[in-house]
Amino acid sequence: MRHITIILFLILTSCKSEKANKTADEMWNNFIKSNPKLTNDEMPEADFFHNNKEDAKRLGELILNRKKKVGSSLYSLYVKYNADLPTIGTKQIVTDFDGNALAIIENTKVDTIPFNKISAAYAELDMGTDSEPLKKWKKAHWDFFESFLEESGEKPTEEMLIVCVWFETIWPEKN
């Protein structure tokens, strides 16, 4: 599915370097060796979260440590780019900004929720913290959506729909 590289600008930005493909290939091969029933599965996309090196590293570490369990993006971008919404069961190889494979995640739930209806429990799963997660989530996401929408002359609203994707880190295996 190509929707990830186009839309999930907050949580994903395409990472297609030779290095990324090599480490992603290695990770996928190791995953398949440990899960032979998935041998015929196609290797998923390898992407990093967010749009800069510092945040991609921080979010990758939260995923690797199983503290980040959801991702959020704007529904309007799926519409704008005529992209499919994420689906349950889709896997992704998460990399750092430089293309080093960190983990494999699998979507477990997808929903659309208005910005002003996001719960503290959801925000905690997204931010990887239990210290004022909703306040931090709203500030970080509002600022990011505002700067992104500004490029097209749009403004965020309290009612804007957020695509909420729950995922499980499935590789490396939990110690």
Protein backbone atom coordinates (compact mmCIF):
# COMPACT_ATOMS: atom_id res chain seq x y z
CA MET A 1 0.00 0.00 0.00
CA ARG A 2 1.44 3.34 -1.07
CA HIS A 3 -0.77 5.43 1.23
CA ILE A 4 1.83 5.41 3.97
CA THR A 5 4.54 7.20 1.98
CA ILE A 6 2.10 9.82 0.73
CA ILE A 7 -0.06 10.59 3.72
CA LEU A 8 1.32 9.72 7.11
CA PHE A 9 3.56 12.75 7.13
CA LEU A 10 3.36 12.95 10.92
CA ILE A 11 4.27 9.39 11.54
CA LEU A 12 5.83 8.34 8.29
CA THR A 13 7.98 9.81 5.58
CA SER A 14 9.32 7.70 2.75
CA CYS A 15 12.79 6.28 3.27
CA LYS A 16 14.01 4.52 0.17
CA SER A 17 17.80 4.74 0.38
CA GLU A 18 20.02 1.79 -0.50
CA LYS A 19 21.05 1.55 3.16
CA ALA A 20 17.42 1.45 4.28
CA ASN A 21 16.61 -1.29 1.81
CA LYS A 22 19.62 -3.32 2.97
CA THR A 23 18.86 -3.10 6.69
CA ALA A 24 15.13 -3.51 6.06
CA ASP A 25 15.84 -6.60 3.95
CA GLU A 26 18.01 -8.02 6.72
CA MET A 27 15.36 -7.34 9.35
CA TRP A 28 12.58 -8.80 7.21
CA ASN A 29 14.64 -11.92 6.47
CA ASN A 30 15.34 -12.42 10.18
CA PHE A 31 11.64 -11.94 10.95
CA ILE A 32 10.63 -14.49 8.27
CA LYS A 33 13.20 -17.02 9.53
CA SER A 34 11.58 -16.80 12.97
CA ASN A 35 8.06 -16.89 11.49
CA PRO A 36 8.24 -19.44 8.64
CA LYS A 37 4.46 -19.41 8.15
CA LEU A 38 4.90 -15.86 6.76
CA THR A 39 7.52 -16.86 4.16
CA ASN A 40 5.21 -15.94 1.29
CA ASP A 41 4.38 -12.50 2.71
CA GLU A 42 5.70 -9.58 0.69
CA MET A 43 8.22 -7.38 2.46
CA PRO A 44 6.42 -4.29 3.82
CA GLU A 45 7.45 -0.70 3.24
CA ALA A 46 10.34 0.68 5.26
CA ASP A 47 9.66 4.18 6.55
CA PHE A 48 10.51 6.47 9.42
CA PHE A 49 8.09 8.37 11.64
CA HIS A 50 7.75 12.16 11.49
CA ASN A 51 9.61 14.53 9.16
CA ASN A 52 12.98 15.22 10.77
CA LYS A 53 15.97 13.31 12.14
CA GLU A 54 15.50 14.17 15.83
CA ASP A 55 11.81 13.25 15.99
CA ALA A 56 12.28 10.17 13.80
CA LYS A 57 14.94 8.92 16.22
CA ARG A 58 12.83 9.67 19.30
CA LEU A 59 9.70 8.04 17.88
CA GLY A 60 11.63 5.04 16.58
CA GLU A 61 13.04 4.46 20.05
CA LEU A 62 9.57 4.73 21.60
CA ILE A 63 8.30 2.12 19.14
CA LEU A 64 11.28 -0.14 19.75
CA ASN A 65 10.69 0.16 23.52
CA ARG A 66 6.96 -0.49 22.98
CA LYS A 67 5.93 2.83 24.51
CA LYS A 68 4.46 4.26 21.29
CA LYS A 69 1.55 2.12 20.13
CA VAL A 70 -0.45 4.44 17.87
CA GLY A 71 0.08 6.98 15.13
CA SER A 72 -2.02 9.96 14.07
CA SER A 73 -2.49 11.70 10.74
CA LEU A 74 -4.97 13.98 9.01
CA TYR A 75 -7.93 12.37 7.28
CA SER A 76 -8.13 15.30 4.85
CA LEU A 77 -4.78 14.29 3.37
CA TYR A 78 -6.08 10.85 2.47
CA VAL A 79 -8.92 12.57 0.64
CA LYS A 80 -6.61 15.13 -0.99
CA TYR A 81 -4.24 12.46 -2.31
CA ASN A 82 -7.00 9.92 -3.03
CA ALA A 83 -5.16 7.39 -0.86
CA ASP A 84 -6.50 4.36 0.92
CA LEU A 85 -6.79 4.51 4.68
CA PRO A 86 -4.46 2.22 6.62
CA THR A 87 -5.79 -1.28 7.15
CA ILE A 88 -5.67 -3.80 9.96
CA GLY A 89 -2.91 -6.37 9.44
CA THR A 90 -0.63 -4.13 7.39
CA LYS A 91 2.98 -4.40 8.50
CA GLN A 92 5.70 -1.75 8.28
CA ILE A 93 9.42 -1.76 8.90
CA VAL A 94 10.19 1.28 11.04
CA THR A 95 13.56 2.91 10.37
CA ASP A 96 15.45 5.83 11.79
CA PHE A 97 15.91 8.93 9.63
CA ASP A 98 19.09 7.46 8.12
CA GLY A 99 17.34 4.27 7.02
CA ASN A 100 18.51 1.88 9.73
CA ALA A 101 15.76 -0.68 10.40
CA LEU A 102 14.57 -0.61 14.02
CA ALA A 103 11.38 -2.63 14.30
CA ILE A 104 8.44 -4.18 12.48
CA ILE A 105 4.95 -3.06 13.43
CA GLU A 106 1.52 -4.39 12.45
CA ASN A 107 -1.71 -2.37 12.43
CA THR A 108 -4.31 -3.73 14.84
CA LYS A 109 -7.03 -1.06 14.67
CA VAL A 110 -7.87 1.98 12.52
CA ASP A 111 -10.41 4.69 13.31
CA THR A 112 -11.15 8.31 12.49
CA ILE A 113 -11.71 10.59 15.47
CA PRO A 114 -12.25 14.37 15.58
CA PHE A 115 -9.26 16.23 17.01
CA ASN A 116 -11.31 17.49 19.96
CA LYS A 117 -12.46 13.92 20.83
CA ILE A 118 -9.00 12.37 21.19
CA SER A 119 -8.77 10.78 24.64
CA ALA A 120 -5.98 10.98 27.19
CA ALA A 121 -5.59 7.20 26.92
CA TYR A 122 -5.04 7.45 23.15
CA ALA A 123 -2.66 10.40 23.56
CA GLU A 124 -0.60 8.40 26.06
CA LEU A 125 -0.21 5.58 23.53
CA ASP A 126 0.88 8.08 20.86
CA MET A 127 3.22 10.21 22.96
CA GLY A 128 4.74 7.35 24.95
CA THR A 129 4.33 9.21 28.23
CA ASP A 130 1.84 9.33 31.09
CA SER A 131 2.80 12.89 32.07
CA GLU A 132 0.03 15.16 30.69
CA PRO A 133 -0.27 13.10 27.51
CA LEU A 134 -3.40 14.80 26.13
CA LYS A 135 -2.04 18.31 26.65
CA LYS A 136 1.25 17.32 24.98
CA TRP A 137 -0.51 15.46 22.18
CA LYS A 138 -2.82 18.38 21.37
CA LYS A 139 0.01 20.94 21.36
CA ALA A 140 2.40 18.81 19.28
CA HIS A 141 -0.22 17.72 16.76
CA TRP A 142 -1.94 21.08 16.45
CA ASP A 143 1.37 22.81 15.78
CA PHE A 144 2.42 20.19 13.27
CA PHE A 145 -0.93 20.10 11.45
CA GLU A 146 -1.05 23.89 11.42
CA SER A 147 2.39 24.20 9.82
CA PHE A 148 1.61 21.48 7.31
CA LEU A 149 -1.82 22.85 6.36
CA GLU A 150 -0.44 26.38 6.07
CA GLU A 151 1.38 25.34 2.90
CA SER A 152 -1.98 24.88 1.15
CA GLY A 153 -3.67 27.88 2.77
CA GLU A 154 -5.75 25.74 5.13
CA LYS A 155 -6.09 25.97 8.90
CA PRO A 156 -6.62 23.23 11.48
CA THR A 157 -9.93 23.02 13.32
CA GLU A 158 -11.03 21.35 16.53
CA GLU A 159 -13.33 19.12 14.44
CA MET A 160 -10.73 17.99 11.88
CA LEU A 161 -10.70 14.22 11.54
CA ILE A 162 -7.63 12.35 12.70
CA VAL A 163 -6.79 8.92 11.33
CA CYS A 164 -5.82 6.93 14.41
CA VAL A 165 -3.82 3.76 13.82
CA TRP A 166 -3.14 1.34 16.67
CA PHE A 167 -0.23 -0.99 16.09
CA GLU A 168 1.77 -3.68 17.80
CA THR A 169 5.55 -3.92 17.62
CA ILE A 170 6.03 -7.49 16.42
CA TRP A 171 9.81 -7.49 15.79
CA PRO A 172 12.19 -7.67 17.41
CA GLU A 173 10.43 -10.04 19.73
CA LYS A 174 9.74 -8.79 23.22
CA ASN A 175 12.44 -9.83 25.67
